[in-house]
Amino acid sequence: MKRETMQAKIIDEIKKRGGEVAIAGKYQVVGLYVVDVAKSGGKAVALLTASGWRQYSRRFGARRASLAYLGGRDDSGWWAVRVPGTVETVLGGLSWLRPAAVKAALAKGRRRVKRQGDVYFVLTGAPRNNFDALPGSHRLGLTDDWKDVVVLHGGHKPLILRGLGWRAYPQNAYQMGRSGRRGMGD
């Protein structure tokens, strides 16, 4: 897919999610554009950024501002998530999205780390599953033999978690829009 097409699709997705797609200054508007593309899980992921002077008010004046989003297409369709404006590469953005507990599990060599949409699952070895952090947009079920958990979320393929001891960790993400607060990266 061409960069321009991918950029347009991701910008459309950012708008749908209530995200900001440009920085408006006193004399110019700087829009998002693709600065990096890399493969993740066999799919292309793009980093879009914008950097410029944002005019806040006459009294407050202009301040340097930056935006950054990761986006791409997966089994559920087009997606976009806001990351810090300091992120410079797709790999840097993907690393930032991972919660500390997931990074720690991977560093310990745990191979049982799975992801579905905006949530990571880590097999901890505990005697039972812990899905307290699972966002309300996810639904849980059981396999036909009642041994394993099935996680359903949006248009994603069902994720089967075999055995006991799974823990859910939502990915890091900034809320869409101008708040800059961290939130769930739907």
Protein backbone atom coordinates (compact mmCIF):
# COMPACT_ATOMS: atom_id res chain seq x y z
CA MET A 1 0.00 0.00 0.00
CA LYS A 2 1.25 3.48 -0.84
CA ARG A 3 2.29 5.76 2.02
CA GLU A 4 -0.21 8.42 0.95
CA THR A 5 -3.10 5.95 1.03
CA MET A 6 -2.05 4.55 4.39
CA GLN A 7 -1.65 8.08 5.77
CA ALA A 8 -5.16 9.06 4.60
CA LYS A 9 -6.74 5.91 6.10
CA ILE A 10 -4.99 6.39 9.47
CA ILE A 11 -5.92 10.09 9.60
CA ASP A 12 -9.55 9.12 8.94
CA GLU A 13 -9.34 6.63 11.84
CA ILE A 14 -7.81 9.27 14.14
CA LYS A 15 -10.69 11.64 13.31
CA LYS A 16 -13.26 8.88 14.00
CA ARG A 17 -11.70 8.34 17.43
CA GLY A 18 -11.78 12.06 18.25
CA GLY A 19 -8.08 12.67 17.76
CA GLU A 20 -6.34 15.83 16.68
CA VAL A 21 -4.82 15.69 13.16
CA ALA A 22 -3.07 19.08 12.95
CA ILE A 23 -1.39 21.76 15.04
CA ALA A 24 -2.84 25.21 14.38
CA GLY A 25 -0.45 28.10 14.89
CA LYS A 26 -0.90 31.81 14.41
CA TYR A 27 0.38 31.74 10.82
CA GLN A 28 0.20 28.13 9.69
CA VAL A 29 -1.38 24.72 10.24
CA VAL A 30 0.90 21.67 10.37
CA GLY A 31 -0.83 18.37 9.59
CA LEU A 32 0.16 14.80 10.38
CA TYR A 33 2.36 12.93 7.92
CA VAL A 34 4.04 9.51 7.82
CA VAL A 35 7.64 9.55 9.11
CA ASP A 36 8.25 5.81 9.51
CA VAL A 37 6.75 2.50 8.39
CA ALA A 38 7.74 -0.92 9.75
CA LYS A 39 6.32 -4.43 9.92
CA SER A 40 4.84 -5.73 13.16
CA GLY A 41 3.26 -9.16 13.21
CA GLY A 42 3.53 -9.27 9.43
CA LYS A 43 1.48 -6.09 9.00
CA ALA A 44 2.60 -2.57 8.10
CA VAL A 45 2.46 -0.05 10.95
CA ALA A 46 3.04 3.66 10.38
CA LEU A 47 4.13 6.49 12.66
CA LEU A 48 2.49 9.82 11.85
CA THR A 49 3.74 13.02 13.45
CA ALA A 50 3.22 16.78 13.36
CA SER A 51 5.33 19.41 15.08
CA GLY A 52 4.83 23.15 15.14
CA TRP A 53 3.95 26.25 17.11
CA ARG A 54 0.47 26.13 18.63
CA GLN A 55 -1.22 29.45 19.32
CA TYR A 56 -3.00 29.06 22.65
CA SER A 57 -4.18 32.65 23.19
CA ARG A 58 -3.00 36.24 22.82
CA ARG A 59 -2.08 36.36 26.47
CA PHE A 60 -0.38 32.95 26.70
CA GLY A 61 1.13 33.08 23.20
CA ALA A 62 2.49 30.24 21.13
CA ARG A 63 4.28 27.15 22.41
CA ARG A 64 6.01 24.31 20.63
CA ALA A 65 3.70 21.30 20.31
CA SER A 66 3.94 17.86 18.76
CA LEU A 67 1.59 15.00 17.97
CA ALA A 68 2.36 11.36 17.22
CA TYR A 69 0.17 8.39 16.37
CA LEU A 70 0.80 4.78 15.46
CA GLY A 71 -1.66 3.28 13.02
CA GLY A 72 -2.26 0.45 10.63
CA ARG A 73 -4.65 -2.29 9.68
CA ASP A 74 -5.27 -5.55 11.52
CA ASP A 75 -7.91 -8.29 11.53
CA SER A 76 -10.42 -5.81 12.97
CA GLY A 77 -9.79 -3.04 10.40
CA TRP A 78 -7.97 0.29 10.60
CA TRP A 79 -6.67 1.39 14.00
CA ALA A 80 -4.81 4.35 15.49
CA VAL A 81 -3.38 5.08 18.92
CA ARG A 82 -1.80 8.24 20.27
CA VAL A 83 1.77 8.03 21.58
CA PRO A 84 4.12 10.72 22.95
CA GLY A 85 5.18 13.36 20.45
CA THR A 86 8.81 12.48 21.20
CA VAL A 87 8.48 9.02 19.60
CA GLU A 88 10.58 8.89 16.42
CA THR A 89 10.12 5.35 15.08
CA VAL A 90 7.43 2.69 14.80
CA LEU A 91 9.51 0.34 16.96
CA GLY A 92 9.91 3.05 19.60
CA GLY A 93 6.15 3.63 19.61
CA LEU A 94 5.36 -0.07 19.84
CA SER A 95 7.79 -0.42 22.74
CA TRP A 96 6.18 2.55 24.53
CA LEU A 97 2.73 0.93 24.20
CA ARG A 98 3.84 -2.17 26.13
CA PRO A 99 3.08 -2.00 29.85
CA ALA A 100 6.03 -2.44 32.23
CA ALA A 101 4.72 -5.82 33.43
CA VAL A 102 4.69 -7.14 29.85
CA LYS A 103 8.23 -5.88 29.23
CA ALA A 104 9.35 -7.56 32.45
CA ALA A 105 7.71 -10.86 31.45
CA LEU A 106 9.40 -10.77 28.04
CA ALA A 107 12.76 -9.89 29.65
CA LYS A 108 12.41 -12.96 31.93
CA GLY A 109 11.98 -15.09 28.84
CA ARG A 110 8.30 -15.81 29.32
CA ARG A 111 6.97 -17.04 26.03
CA ARG A 112 3.34 -16.94 27.04
CA VAL A 113 2.57 -13.32 26.22
CA LYS A 114 -0.39 -12.71 23.92
CA ARG A 115 -2.09 -9.58 22.66
CA GLN A 116 -5.53 -8.77 21.36
CA GLY A 117 -6.22 -5.21 20.30
CA ASP A 118 -5.28 -2.90 23.16
CA VAL A 119 -4.71 -5.60 25.84
CA TYR A 120 -1.76 -7.88 26.56
CA PHE A 121 -2.14 -11.19 28.41
CA VAL A 122 0.69 -12.76 30.39
CA LEU A 123 0.69 -16.31 31.75
CA THR A 124 1.85 -15.85 35.36
CA GLY A 125 1.47 -19.37 36.70
CA ALA A 126 -0.95 -18.23 39.41
CA PRO A 127 -3.69 -20.69 40.44
CA ARG A 128 -6.40 -18.62 38.72
CA ASN A 129 -6.89 -16.01 36.01
CA ASN A 130 -7.00 -12.30 36.82
CA PHE A 131 -8.86 -10.13 34.34
CA ASP A 132 -9.57 -7.17 36.66
CA ALA A 133 -7.84 -4.73 34.26
CA LEU A 134 -9.78 -5.92 31.22
CA PRO A 135 -11.64 -2.99 29.60
CA GLY A 136 -15.42 -3.21 29.29
CA SER A 137 -15.16 -3.54 25.51
CA HIS A 138 -13.80 -7.09 25.93
CA ARG A 139 -16.01 -10.10 26.61
CA LEU A 140 -14.97 -13.40 28.16
CA GLY A 141 -16.28 -16.87 27.45
CA LEU A 142 -15.22 -20.48 27.83
CA THR A 143 -14.31 -23.12 25.28
CA ASP A 144 -16.79 -25.96 24.72
CA ASP A 145 -14.93 -28.18 27.20
CA TRP A 146 -14.89 -25.35 29.83
CA LYS A 147 -11.12 -25.61 30.23
CA ASP A 148 -9.89 -22.46 28.50
CA VAL A 149 -10.92 -18.81 28.34
CA VAL A 150 -11.98 -17.15 25.09
CA VAL A 151 -11.50 -13.37 24.82
CA LEU A 152 -13.71 -11.47 22.36
CA HIS A 153 -13.12 -7.84 21.37
CA GLY A 154 -14.63 -5.92 18.45
CA GLY A 155 -13.87 -7.47 15.09
CA HIS A 156 -10.73 -9.26 16.30
CA LYS A 157 -10.42 -13.00 16.00
CA PRO A 158 -11.28 -14.78 19.27
CA LEU A 159 -8.21 -15.27 21.47
CA ILE A 160 -8.00 -18.57 23.36
CA LEU A 161 -6.02 -18.50 26.62
CA ARG A 162 -5.14 -22.06 27.58
CA GLY A 163 -4.73 -22.99 31.23
CA LEU A 164 -4.83 -20.94 34.42
CA GLY A 165 -2.85 -17.95 35.58
CA TRP A 166 -3.45 -15.36 32.85
CA ARG A 167 -3.35 -11.68 33.76
CA ALA A 168 -4.59 -8.82 31.56
CA TYR A 169 -2.63 -5.58 31.05
CA PRO A 170 -4.05 -2.70 28.98
CA GLN A 171 -1.53 -1.07 26.66
CA ASN A 172 -0.20 2.40 27.41
CA ALA A 173 -1.76 5.15 25.29
CA TYR A 174 -2.61 8.81 25.45
CA GLN A 175 -6.26 9.77 25.13
CA MET A 176 -7.26 11.11 21.76
CA GLY A 177 -7.80 14.85 21.54
CA ARG A 178 -5.91 17.60 23.35
CA SER A 179 -5.93 16.33 26.92
CA GLY A 180 -2.57 14.57 26.75
CA ARG A 181 -3.70 12.26 29.57
CA ARG A 182 -3.03 8.57 29.48
CA GLY A 183 -6.01 6.39 28.78
CA MET A 184 -7.08 3.17 27.18
CA GLY A 185 -5.94 2.91 23.58
CA ASP A 186 -9.18 1.55 22.18
